[in-house]
Structure formats: structure tokens, C-alpha cells
Amino acid sequence: MLLAGEVLRAKFRNSFARAEPLVPGKMTGIELDLRDRNHTFKQGHRIMVQIQSTWFPVIDRNPQTFVDIYTAKESDFQVATHTVYRSRSHPSYLELSVVP
């Protein structure tokens, strides 16, 4: 069951007023607040987080280049590789509040 379907374009990770490009090959921390979700996870339930570069056709296509999506030309659309780091020195994590 989908509990949250949040979209955050990485170029707006620090501010919705000013877009900033990601630097290829450089790790960039991104925090995403899923806001309150009042849901009961019973014993045996699992949580899955999906990180995607596009959610087409639900959300418009992602050209994977630092351009205005709404005026992007076909040549602006490129294949991209995205990496989620999950090591002791570069942990990725999900923080949950637990209500007794």
C-alpha cells in the first residue's frame, strides 16, 4: 500500500526559490520530510522506500540535465545513473517516530 508519493526534484533540494544542479560523481545529501503519516505498522509489516529519477507518466519526464523541464528539447533528455550510498561512512537512513 502506498502511504506517501512525494516528489522532490533534486535541483530544489535546498530551496524552491533557487535551483541548484547536482554535480556528477559527487555525493549530495538530500533530506525529504514525508510529514505526518498516521499509520499502524503491525508486527511483520515491512517498509520500502523507492528513489526514482522519474515517475513518468504520473509526473512529467525528467531530462536528467539542468534545464527547464517545460522547455526541454528532445536532445536535453539523457540517460543517467543514480547512486544511493549505504555504507558505514556514508549511511542512508529512514527516521521514524514511534507512538506507544
PDB file of N, CA and C in Angstrom:
ATOM      1  N   MET A   1       0.844  -1.168   0.000  1.00  0.00           N
ATOM      2  CA  MET A   1       0.000   0.000   0.000  1.00  0.00           C
ATOM      3  C   MET A   1       0.896   1.239   0.000  1.00  0.00           C
ATOM      4  N   LEU A   2       0.625   2.146  -0.912  1.00  0.00           N
ATOM      5  CA  LEU A   2       1.384   3.392  -0.984  1.00  0.00           C
ATOM      6  C   LEU A   2       0.873   4.347   0.088  1.00  0.00           C
ATOM      7  N   LEU A   3       1.772   4.735   1.006  1.00  0.00           N
ATOM      8  CA  LEU A   3       1.401   5.682   2.064  1.00  0.00           C
ATOM      9  C   LEU A   3       1.750   7.116   1.702  1.00  0.00           C
ATOM     10  N   ALA A   4       2.790   7.284   0.904  1.00  0.00           N
ATOM     11  CA  ALA A   4       3.216   8.628   0.521  1.00  0.00           C
ATOM     12  C   ALA A   4       3.837   8.564  -0.860  1.00  0.00           C
ATOM     13  N   GLY A   5       3.487   9.496  -1.686  1.00  0.00           N
ATOM     14  CA  GLY A   5       4.062   9.589  -3.022  1.00  0.00           C
ATOM     15  C   GLY A   5       4.610  10.993  -3.203  1.00  0.00           C
ATOM     16  N   GLU A   6       5.718  11.266  -2.579  1.00  0.00           N
ATOM     17  CA  GLU A   6       6.295  12.608  -2.600  1.00  0.00           C
ATOM     18  C   GLU A   6       7.256  12.770  -3.770  1.00  0.00           C
ATOM     19  N   VAL A   7       7.226  13.939  -4.379  1.00  0.00           N
ATOM     20  CA  VAL A   7       8.151  14.254  -5.461  1.00  0.00           C
ATOM     21  C   VAL A   7       8.991  15.446  -5.025  1.00  0.00           C
ATOM     22  N   LEU A   8      10.298  15.282  -5.079  1.00  0.00           N
ATOM     23  CA  LEU A   8      11.219  16.372  -4.808  1.00  0.00           C
ATOM     24  C   LEU A   8      12.278  16.354  -5.900  1.00  0.00           C
ATOM     25  N   ARG A   9      12.277  17.353  -6.730  1.00  0.00           N
ATOM     26  CA  ARG A   9      13.314  17.453  -7.749  1.00  0.00           C
ATOM     27  C   ARG A   9      14.609  17.832  -7.025  1.00  0.00           C
ATOM     28  N   ALA A  10      15.660  17.083  -7.265  1.00  0.00           N
ATOM     29  CA  ALA A  10      16.921  17.284  -6.547  1.00  0.00           C
ATOM     30  C   ALA A  10      17.459  18.695  -6.726  1.00  0.00           C
ATOM     31  N   LYS A  11      17.159  19.334  -7.847  1.00  0.00           N
ATOM     32  CA  LYS A  11      17.673  20.696  -8.041  1.00  0.00           C
ATOM     33  C   LYS A  11      17.031  21.696  -7.083  1.00  0.00           C
ATOM     34  N   PHE A  12      15.926  21.316  -6.440  1.00  0.00           N
ATOM     35  CA  PHE A  12      15.269  22.172  -5.451  1.00  0.00           C
ATOM     36  C   PHE A  12      15.461  21.637  -4.033  1.00  0.00           C
ATOM     37  N   ARG A  13      16.511  20.840  -3.812  1.00  0.00           N
ATOM     38  CA  ARG A  13      16.738  20.203  -2.511  1.00  0.00           C
ATOM     39  C   ARG A  13      17.035  21.196  -1.401  1.00  0.00           C
ATOM     40  N   ASN A  14      17.593  22.363  -1.723  1.00  0.00           N
ATOM     41  CA  ASN A  14      17.920  23.357  -0.702  1.00  0.00           C
ATOM     42  C   ASN A  14      16.948  24.528  -0.670  1.00  0.00           C
ATOM     43  N   SER A  15      16.281  24.789  -1.800  1.00  0.00           N
ATOM     44  CA  SER A  15      15.381  25.929  -1.875  1.00  0.00           C
ATOM     45  C   SER A  15      14.481  25.785  -3.100  1.00  0.00           C
ATOM     46  N   PHE A  16      13.197  26.048  -2.923  1.00  0.00           N
ATOM     47  CA  PHE A  16      12.287  26.037  -4.071  1.00  0.00           C
ATOM     48  C   PHE A  16      12.416  27.326  -4.876  1.00  0.00           C
ATOM     49  N   ALA A  17      13.074  28.336  -4.314  1.00  0.00           N
ATOM     50  CA  ALA A  17      13.230  29.618  -4.996  1.00  0.00           C
ATOM     51  C   ALA A  17      14.432  29.629  -5.942  1.00  0.00           C
ATOM     52  N   ARG A  18      15.424  28.749  -5.682  1.00  0.00           N
ATOM     53  CA  ARG A  18      16.642  28.773  -6.489  1.00  0.00           C
ATOM     54  C   ARG A  18      17.090  27.344  -6.783  1.00  0.00           C
ATOM     55  N   ALA A  19      17.086  26.993  -8.049  1.00  0.00           N
ATOM     56  CA  ALA A  19      17.512  25.657  -8.464  1.00  0.00           C
ATOM     57  C   ALA A  19      19.030  25.555  -8.419  1.00  0.00           C
ATOM     58  N   GLU A  20      19.535  24.388  -7.992  1.00  0.00           N
ATOM     59  CA  GLU A  20      20.976  24.114  -7.942  1.00  0.00           C
ATOM     60  C   GLU A  20      21.225  22.757  -8.600  1.00  0.00           C
ATOM     61  N   PRO A  21      22.172  22.684  -9.522  1.00  0.00           N
ATOM     62  CA  PRO A  21      22.434  21.396 -10.166  1.00  0.00           C
ATOM     63  C   PRO A  21      23.164  20.432  -9.237  1.00  0.00           C
ATOM     64  N   LEU A  22      22.966  19.155  -9.460  1.00  0.00           N
ATOM     65  CA  LEU A  22      23.794  18.140  -8.812  1.00  0.00           C
ATOM     66  C   LEU A  22      25.098  18.061  -9.581  1.00  0.00           C
ATOM     67  N   VAL A  23      26.174  17.697  -8.904  1.00  0.00           N
ATOM     68  CA  VAL A  23      27.472  17.555  -9.550  1.00  0.00           C
ATOM     69  C   VAL A  23      27.707  16.067  -9.800  1.00  0.00           C
ATOM     70  N   PRO A  24      27.859  15.668 -11.059  1.00  0.00           N
ATOM     71  CA  PRO A  24      28.068  14.243 -11.354  1.00  0.00           C
ATOM     72  C   PRO A  24      29.263  13.682 -10.593  1.00  0.00           C
ATOM     73  N   GLY A  25      29.083  12.512  -9.983  1.00  0.00           N
ATOM     74  CA  GLY A  25      30.151  11.845  -9.250  1.00  0.00           C
ATOM     75  C   GLY A  25      30.373  12.359  -7.836  1.00  0.00           C
ATOM     76  N   LYS A  26      29.633  13.388  -7.426  1.00  0.00           N
ATOM     77  CA  LYS A  26      29.793  13.942  -6.076  1.00  0.00           C
ATOM     78  C   LYS A  26      28.592  13.559  -5.221  1.00  0.00           C
ATOM     79  N   MET A  27      28.875  13.057  -4.014  1.00  0.00           N
ATOM     80  CA  MET A  27      27.792  12.721  -3.097  1.00  0.00           C
ATOM     81  C   MET A  27      27.096  13.990  -2.633  1.00  0.00           C
ATOM     82  N   THR A  28      25.773  13.956  -2.626  1.00  0.00           N
ATOM     83  CA  THR A  28      24.982  15.099  -2.189  1.00  0.00           C
ATOM     84  C   THR A  28      23.907  14.602  -1.238  1.00  0.00           C
ATOM     85  N   GLY A  29      23.904  15.129  -0.036  1.00  0.00           N
ATOM     86  CA  GLY A  29      22.877  14.750   0.929  1.00  0.00           C
ATOM     87  C   GLY A  29      21.543  15.409   0.579  1.00  0.00           C
ATOM     88  N   ILE A  30      20.486  14.645   0.678  1.00  0.00           N
ATOM     89  CA  ILE A  30      19.149  15.167   0.415  1.00  0.00           C
ATOM     90  C   ILE A  30      18.246  14.702   1.547  1.00  0.00           C
ATOM     91  N   GLU A  31      17.593  15.656   2.197  1.00  0.00           N
ATOM     92  CA  GLU A  31      16.629  15.328   3.246  1.00  0.00           C
ATOM     93  C   GLU A  31      15.237  15.547   2.710  1.00  0.00           C
ATOM     94  N   LEU A  32      14.376  14.588   2.966  1.00  0.00           N
ATOM     95  CA  LEU A  32      12.998  14.659   2.493  1.00  0.00           C
ATOM     96  C   LEU A  32      12.077  14.383   3.663  1.00  0.00           C
ATOM     97  N   ASP A  33      11.270  15.356   4.002  1.00  0.00           N
ATOM     98  CA  ASP A  33      10.313  15.207   5.102  1.00  0.00           C
ATOM     99  C   ASP A  33       9.006  14.684   4.521  1.00  0.00           C
ATOM    100  N   LEU A  34       8.638  13.488   4.922  1.00  0.00           N
ATOM    101  CA  LEU A  34       7.381  12.908   4.440  1.00  0.00           C
ATOM    102  C   LEU A  34       6.186  13.361   5.267  1.00  0.00           C
ATOM    103  N   ARG A  35       6.410  14.306   6.136  1.00  0.00           N
ATOM    104  CA  ARG A  35       5.376  14.847   7.007  1.00  0.00           C
ATOM    105  C   ARG A  35       4.699  13.725   7.805  1.00  0.00           C
ATOM    106  N   ASP A  36       3.651  14.072   8.476  1.00  0.00           N
ATOM    107  CA  ASP A  36       2.982  13.093   9.338  1.00  0.00           C
ATOM    108  C   ASP A  36       2.273  12.027   8.524  1.00  0.00           C
ATOM    109  N   ARG A  37       2.485  10.809   8.925  1.00  0.00           N
ATOM    110  CA  ARG A  37       1.760   9.669   8.367  1.00  0.00           C
ATOM    111  C   ARG A  37       1.255   8.876   9.558  1.00  0.00           C
ATOM    112  N   ASN A  38      -0.007   8.952   9.812  1.00  0.00           N
ATOM    113  CA  ASN A  38      -0.595   8.208  10.924  1.00  0.00           C
ATOM    114  C   ASN A  38      -0.999   6.834  10.411  1.00  0.00           C
ATOM    115  N   HIS A  39      -0.086   5.913  10.533  1.00  0.00           N
ATOM    116  CA  HIS A  39      -0.324   4.570  10.036  1.00  0.00           C
ATOM    117  C   HIS A  39       0.206   3.572  11.058  1.00  0.00           C
ATOM    118  N   THR A  40      -0.486   2.484  11.219  1.00  0.00           N
ATOM    119  CA  THR A  40      -0.054   1.438  12.129  1.00  0.00           C
ATOM    120  C   THR A  40       0.667   0.351  11.341  1.00  0.00           C
ATOM    121  N   PHE A  41       1.922   0.121  11.701  1.00  0.00           N
ATOM    122  CA  PHE A  41       2.678  -0.980  11.143  1.00  0.00           C
ATOM    123  C   PHE A  41       2.634  -2.103  12.168  1.00  0.00           C
ATOM    124  N   LYS A  42       2.004  -3.172  11.802  1.00  0.00           N
ATOM    125  CA  LYS A  42       1.903  -4.299  12.721  1.00  0.00           C
ATOM    126  C   LYS A  42       3.129  -5.192  12.582  1.00  0.00           C
ATOM    127  N   GLN A  43       3.299  -6.072  13.552  1.00  0.00           N
ATOM    128  CA  GLN A  43       4.426  -6.992  13.540  1.00  0.00           C
ATOM    129  C   GLN A  43       4.439  -7.745  12.210  1.00  0.00           C
ATOM    130  N   GLY A  44       5.620  -7.800  11.599  1.00  0.00           N
ATOM    131  CA  GLY A  44       5.760  -8.487  10.321  1.00  0.00           C
ATOM    132  C   GLY A  44       5.620  -7.569   9.117  1.00  0.00           C
ATOM    133  N   HIS A  45       5.075  -6.373   9.309  1.00  0.00           N
ATOM    134  CA  HIS A  45       4.978  -5.420   8.204  1.00  0.00           C
ATOM    135  C   HIS A  45       6.376  -4.948   7.812  1.00  0.00           C
ATOM    136  N   ARG A  46       6.521  -4.532   6.583  1.00  0.00           N
ATOM    137  CA  ARG A  46       7.798  -4.027   6.093  1.00  0.00           C
ATOM    138  C   ARG A  46       7.591  -2.637   5.500  1.00  0.00           C
ATOM    139  N   ILE A  47       8.662  -1.858   5.533  1.00  0.00           N
ATOM    140  CA  ILE A  47       8.639  -0.522   4.945  1.00  0.00           C
ATOM    141  C   ILE A  47       9.603  -0.525   3.766  1.00  0.00           C
ATOM    142  N   MET A  48       9.150   0.017   2.645  1.00  0.00           N
ATOM    143  CA  MET A  48      10.008   0.125   1.471  1.00  0.00           C
ATOM    144  C   MET A  48      10.038   1.584   1.024  1.00  0.00           C
ATOM    145  N   VAL A  49      11.222   2.068   0.734  1.00  0.00           N
ATOM    146  CA  VAL A  49      11.404   3.412   0.190  1.00  0.00           C
ATOM    147  C   VAL A  49      11.968   3.248  -1.209  1.00  0.00           C
ATOM    148  N   GLN A  50      11.330   3.883  -2.178  1.00  0.00           N
ATOM    149  CA  GLN A  50      11.823   3.843  -3.549  1.00  0.00           C
ATOM    150  C   GLN A  50      12.334   5.227  -3.926  1.00  0.00           C
ATOM    151  N   ILE A  51      13.497   5.259  -4.539  1.00  0.00           N
ATOM    152  CA  ILE A  51      14.075   6.504  -5.026  1.00  0.00           C
ATOM    153  C   ILE A  51      14.182   6.363  -6.530  1.00  0.00           C
ATOM    154  N   GLN A  52      13.532   7.268  -7.232  1.00  0.00           N
ATOM    155  CA  GLN A  52      13.470   7.164  -8.685  1.00  0.00           C
ATOM    156  C   GLN A  52      13.889   8.474  -9.327  1.00  0.00           C
ATOM    157  N   SER A  53      14.414   8.381 -10.528  1.00  0.00           N
ATOM    158  CA  SER A  53      14.794   9.597 -11.244  1.00  0.00           C
ATOM    159  C   SER A  53      13.624  10.149 -12.048  1.00  0.00           C
ATOM    160  N   THR A  54      12.606   9.369 -12.228  1.00  0.00           N
ATOM    161  CA  THR A  54      11.417   9.846 -12.917  1.00  0.00           C
ATOM    162  C   THR A  54      10.226   9.015 -12.470  1.00  0.00           C
ATOM    163  N   TRP A  55       9.064   9.606 -12.537  1.00  0.00           N
ATOM    164  CA  TRP A  55       7.838   8.901 -12.176  1.00  0.00           C
ATOM    165  C   TRP A  55       6.846   9.040 -13.327  1.00  0.00           C
ATOM    166  N   PHE A  56       7.404   9.037 -14.526  1.00  0.00           N
ATOM    167  CA  PHE A  56       6.601   9.173 -15.729  1.00  0.00           C
ATOM    168  C   PHE A  56       5.766   7.917 -15.913  1.00  0.00           C
ATOM    169  N   PRO A  57       4.514   8.018 -16.258  1.00  0.00           N
ATOM    170  CA  PRO A  57       3.748   9.154 -16.739  1.00  0.00           C
ATOM    171  C   PRO A  57       2.969   9.910 -15.655  1.00  0.00           C
ATOM    172  N   VAL A  58       3.141   9.554 -14.385  1.00  0.00           N
ATOM    173  CA  VAL A  58       2.414  10.267 -13.332  1.00  0.00           C
ATOM    174  C   VAL A  58       2.907  11.711 -13.237  1.00  0.00           C
ATOM    175  N   ILE A  59       4.221  11.881 -13.259  1.00  0.00           N
ATOM    176  CA  ILE A  59       4.865  13.193 -13.240  1.00  0.00           C
ATOM    177  C   ILE A  59       5.627  13.331 -14.556  1.00  0.00           C
ATOM    178  N   ASP A  60       5.823  14.546 -15.038  1.00  0.00           N
ATOM    179  CA  ASP A  60       6.484  14.755 -16.327  1.00  0.00           C
ATOM    180  C   ASP A  60       7.859  14.094 -16.394  1.00  0.00           C
ATOM    181  N   ARG A  61       8.338  13.870 -17.613  1.00  0.00           N
ATOM    182  CA  ARG A  61       9.635  13.224 -17.825  1.00  0.00           C
ATOM    183  C   ARG A  61      10.764  14.064 -17.255  1.00  0.00           C
ATOM    184  N   ASN A  62      11.808  13.391 -16.797  1.00  0.00           N
ATOM    185  CA  ASN A  62      12.985  14.053 -16.244  1.00  0.00           C
ATOM    186  C   ASN A  62      14.096  13.998 -17.288  1.00  0.00           C
ATOM    187  N   PRO A  63      14.552  15.156 -17.792  1.00  0.00           N
ATOM    188  CA  PRO A  63      15.590  15.109 -18.819  1.00  0.00           C
ATOM    189  C   PRO A  63      16.971  14.698 -18.294  1.00  0.00           C
ATOM    190  N   GLN A  64      17.169  14.674 -16.972  1.00  0.00           N
ATOM    191  CA  GLN A  64      18.447  14.312 -16.348  1.00  0.00           C
ATOM    192  C   GLN A  64      19.534  15.339 -16.651  1.00  0.00           C
ATOM    193  N   THR A  65      19.141  16.515 -17.088  1.00  0.00           N
ATOM    194  CA  THR A  65      20.072  17.618 -17.316  1.00  0.00           C
ATOM    195  C   THR A  65      19.500  18.846 -16.614  1.00  0.00           C
ATOM    196  N   PHE A  66      20.340  19.823 -16.336  1.00  0.00           N
ATOM    197  CA  PHE A  66      19.927  21.005 -15.590  1.00  0.00           C
ATOM    198  C   PHE A  66      19.312  22.027 -16.552  1.00  0.00           C
ATOM    199  N   VAL A  67      18.089  21.718 -16.973  1.00  0.00           N
ATOM    200  CA  VAL A  67      17.348  22.602 -17.873  1.00  0.00           C
ATOM    201  C   VAL A  67      15.938  22.771 -17.327  1.00  0.00           C
ATOM    202  N   ASP A  68      15.222  23.749 -17.852  1.00  0.00           N
ATOM    203  CA  ASP A  68      13.812  23.909 -17.517  1.00  0.00           C
ATOM    204  C   ASP A  68      13.044  22.778 -18.192  1.00  0.00           C
ATOM    205  N   ILE A  69      12.443  21.925 -17.416  1.00  0.00           N
ATOM    206  CA  ILE A  69      11.774  20.744 -17.944  1.00  0.00           C
ATOM    207  C   ILE A  69      10.703  21.103 -18.965  1.00  0.00           C
ATOM    208  N   TYR A  70      10.006  22.198 -18.748  1.00  0.00           N
ATOM    209  CA  TYR A  70       8.872  22.538 -19.589  1.00  0.00           C
ATOM    210  C   TYR A  70       9.289  23.079 -20.952  1.00  0.00           C
ATOM    211  N   THR A  71      10.546  23.471 -21.106  1.00  0.00           N
ATOM    212  CA  THR A  71      11.028  23.936 -22.408  1.00  0.00           C
ATOM    213  C   THR A  71      12.139  23.031 -22.937  1.00  0.00           C
ATOM    214  N   ALA A  72      12.339  21.878 -22.321  1.00  0.00           N
ATOM    215  CA  ALA A  72      13.411  20.959 -22.720  1.00  0.00           C
ATOM    216  C   ALA A  72      13.167  20.418 -24.125  1.00  0.00           C
ATOM    217  N   LYS A  73      14.270  20.346 -24.877  1.00  0.00           N
ATOM    218  CA  LYS A  73      14.229  19.753 -26.214  1.00  0.00           C
ATOM    219  C   LYS A  73      14.538  18.266 -26.078  1.00  0.00           C
ATOM    220  N   GLU A  74      14.218  17.508 -27.094  1.00  0.00           N
ATOM    221  CA  GLU A  74      14.476  16.066 -27.063  1.00  0.00           C
ATOM    222  C   GLU A  74      15.955  15.776 -26.815  1.00  0.00           C
ATOM    223  N   SER A  75      16.844  16.633 -27.322  1.00  0.00           N
ATOM    224  CA  SER A  75      18.287  16.423 -27.136  1.00  0.00           C
ATOM    225  C   SER A  75      18.730  16.660 -25.693  1.00  0.00           C
ATOM    226  N   ASP A  76      17.892  17.311 -24.863  1.00  0.00           N
ATOM    227  CA  ASP A  76      18.217  17.537 -23.452  1.00  0.00           C
ATOM    228  C   ASP A  76      18.043  16.273 -22.609  1.00  0.00           C
ATOM    229  N   PHE A  77      17.288  15.313 -23.107  1.00  0.00           N
ATOM    230  CA  PHE A  77      16.994  14.101 -22.355  1.00  0.00           C
ATOM    231  C   PHE A  77      18.150  13.115 -22.513  1.00  0.00           C
ATOM    232  N   GLN A  78      18.734  12.705 -21.374  1.00  0.00           N
ATOM    233  CA  GLN A  78      19.886  11.818 -21.368  1.00  0.00           C
ATOM    234  C   GLN A  78      19.678  10.680 -20.375  1.00  0.00           C
ATOM    235  N   VAL A  79      20.403   9.616 -20.591  1.00  0.00           N
ATOM    236  CA  VAL A  79      20.427   8.511 -19.640  1.00  0.00           C
ATOM    237  C   VAL A  79      21.311   8.931 -18.465  1.00  0.00           C
ATOM    238  N   ALA A  80      20.905   8.589 -17.253  1.00  0.00           N
ATOM    239  CA  ALA A  80      21.690   8.941 -16.066  1.00  0.00           C
ATOM    240  C   ALA A  80      21.742   7.756 -15.108  1.00  0.00           C
ATOM    241  N   THR A  81      22.814   7.686 -14.343  1.00  0.00           N
ATOM    242  CA  THR A  81      22.961   6.674 -13.299  1.00  0.00           C
ATOM    243  C   THR A  81      22.893   7.378 -11.955  1.00  0.00           C
ATOM    244  N   HIS A  82      22.059   6.875 -11.070  1.00  0.00           N
ATOM    245  CA  HIS A  82      21.898   7.463  -9.741  1.00  0.00           C
ATOM    246  C   HIS A  82      22.343   6.436  -8.711  1.00  0.00           C
ATOM    247  N   THR A  83      23.055   6.897  -7.701  1.00  0.00           N
ATOM    248  CA  THR A  83      23.580   6.002  -6.677  1.00  0.00           C
ATOM    249  C   THR A  83      23.078   6.430  -5.314  1.00  0.00           C
ATOM    250  N   VAL A  84      22.587   5.472  -4.554  1.00  0.00           N
ATOM    251  CA  VAL A  84      22.217   5.716  -3.159  1.00  0.00           C
ATOM    252  C   VAL A  84      23.290   5.026  -2.328  1.00  0.00           C
ATOM    253  N   TYR A  85      24.020   5.814  -1.547  1.00  0.00           N
ATOM    254  CA  TYR A  85      25.101   5.274  -0.742  1.00  0.00           C
ATOM    255  C   TYR A  85      24.544   4.711   0.553  1.00  0.00           C
ATOM    256  N   ARG A  86      25.057   3.568   0.958  1.00  0.00           N
ATOM    257  CA  ARG A  86      24.584   2.936   2.185  1.00  0.00           C
ATOM    258  C   ARG A  86      25.714   2.142   2.833  1.00  0.00           C
ATOM    259  N   SER A  87      26.684   2.868   3.317  1.00  0.00           N
ATOM    260  CA  SER A  87      27.816   2.245   3.987  1.00  0.00           C
ATOM    261  C   SER A  87      27.975   2.885   5.361  1.00  0.00           C
ATOM    262  N   ARG A  88      28.874   2.346   6.146  1.00  0.00           N
ATOM    263  CA  ARG A  88      29.105   2.904   7.482  1.00  0.00           C
ATOM    264  C   ARG A  88      29.585   4.358   7.374  1.00  0.00           C
ATOM    265  N   SER A  89      30.426   4.650   6.409  1.00  0.00           N
ATOM    266  CA  SER A  89      30.941   6.021   6.276  1.00  0.00           C
ATOM    267  C   SER A  89      29.987   6.954   5.526  1.00  0.00           C
ATOM    268  N   HIS A  90      29.072   6.399   4.753  1.00  0.00           N
ATOM    269  CA  HIS A  90      28.086   7.205   4.012  1.00  0.00           C
ATOM    270  C   HIS A  90      26.706   6.569   4.161  1.00  0.00           C
ATOM    271  N   PRO A  91      26.129   6.661   5.350  1.00  0.00           N
ATOM    272  CA  PRO A  91      24.866   5.961   5.580  1.00  0.00           C
ATOM    273  C   PRO A  91      23.660   6.701   4.967  1.00  0.00           C
ATOM    274  N   SER A  92      22.720   5.906   4.523  1.00  0.00           N
ATOM    275  CA  SER A  92      21.396   6.398   4.173  1.00  0.00           C
ATOM    276  C   SER A  92      20.470   5.844   5.229  1.00  0.00           C
ATOM    277  N   TYR A  93      19.473   6.619   5.619  1.00  0.00           N
ATOM    278  CA  TYR A  93      18.617   6.111   6.678  1.00  0.00           C
ATOM    279  C   TYR A  93      17.222   6.711   6.579  1.00  0.00           C
ATOM    280  N   LEU A  94      16.321   6.062   7.248  1.00  0.00           N
ATOM    281  CA  LEU A  94      14.935   6.493   7.375  1.00  0.00           C
ATOM    282  C   LEU A  94      14.678   6.675   8.855  1.00  0.00           C
ATOM    283  N   GLU A  95      14.240   7.852   9.246  1.00  0.00           N
ATOM    284  CA  GLU A  95      13.981   8.148  10.658  1.00  0.00           C
ATOM    285  C   GLU A  95      12.483   8.139  10.881  1.00  0.00           C
ATOM    286  N   LEU A  96      12.037   7.335  11.833  1.00  0.00           N
ATOM    287  CA  LEU A  96      10.615   7.195  12.133  1.00  0.00           C
ATOM    288  C   LEU A  96      10.330   7.573  13.579  1.00  0.00           C
ATOM    289  N   SER A  97       9.201   8.179  13.795  1.00  0.00           N
ATOM    290  CA  SER A  97       8.729   8.420  15.159  1.00  0.00           C
ATOM    291  C   SER A  97       7.806   7.266  15.534  1.00  0.00           C
ATOM    292  N   VAL A  98       7.932   6.800  16.763  1.00  0.00           N
ATOM    293  CA  VAL A  98       7.113   5.697  17.237  1.00  0.00           C
ATOM    294  C   VAL A  98       6.229   6.200  18.356  1.00  0.00           C
ATOM    295  N   VAL A  99       4.929   5.950  18.206  1.00  0.00           N
ATOM    296  CA  VAL A  99       3.980   6.332  19.238  1.00  0.00           C
ATOM    297  C   VAL A  99       3.586   5.079  19.998  1.00  0.00           C
ATOM    298  N   PRO A 100       3.755   5.069  21.319  1.00  0.00           N
ATOM    299  CA  PRO A 100       3.426   3.851  22.078  1.00  0.00           C
ATOM    300  C   PRO A 100       1.925   3.573  22.079  1.00  0.00           C
TER     301      PRO A 100
END
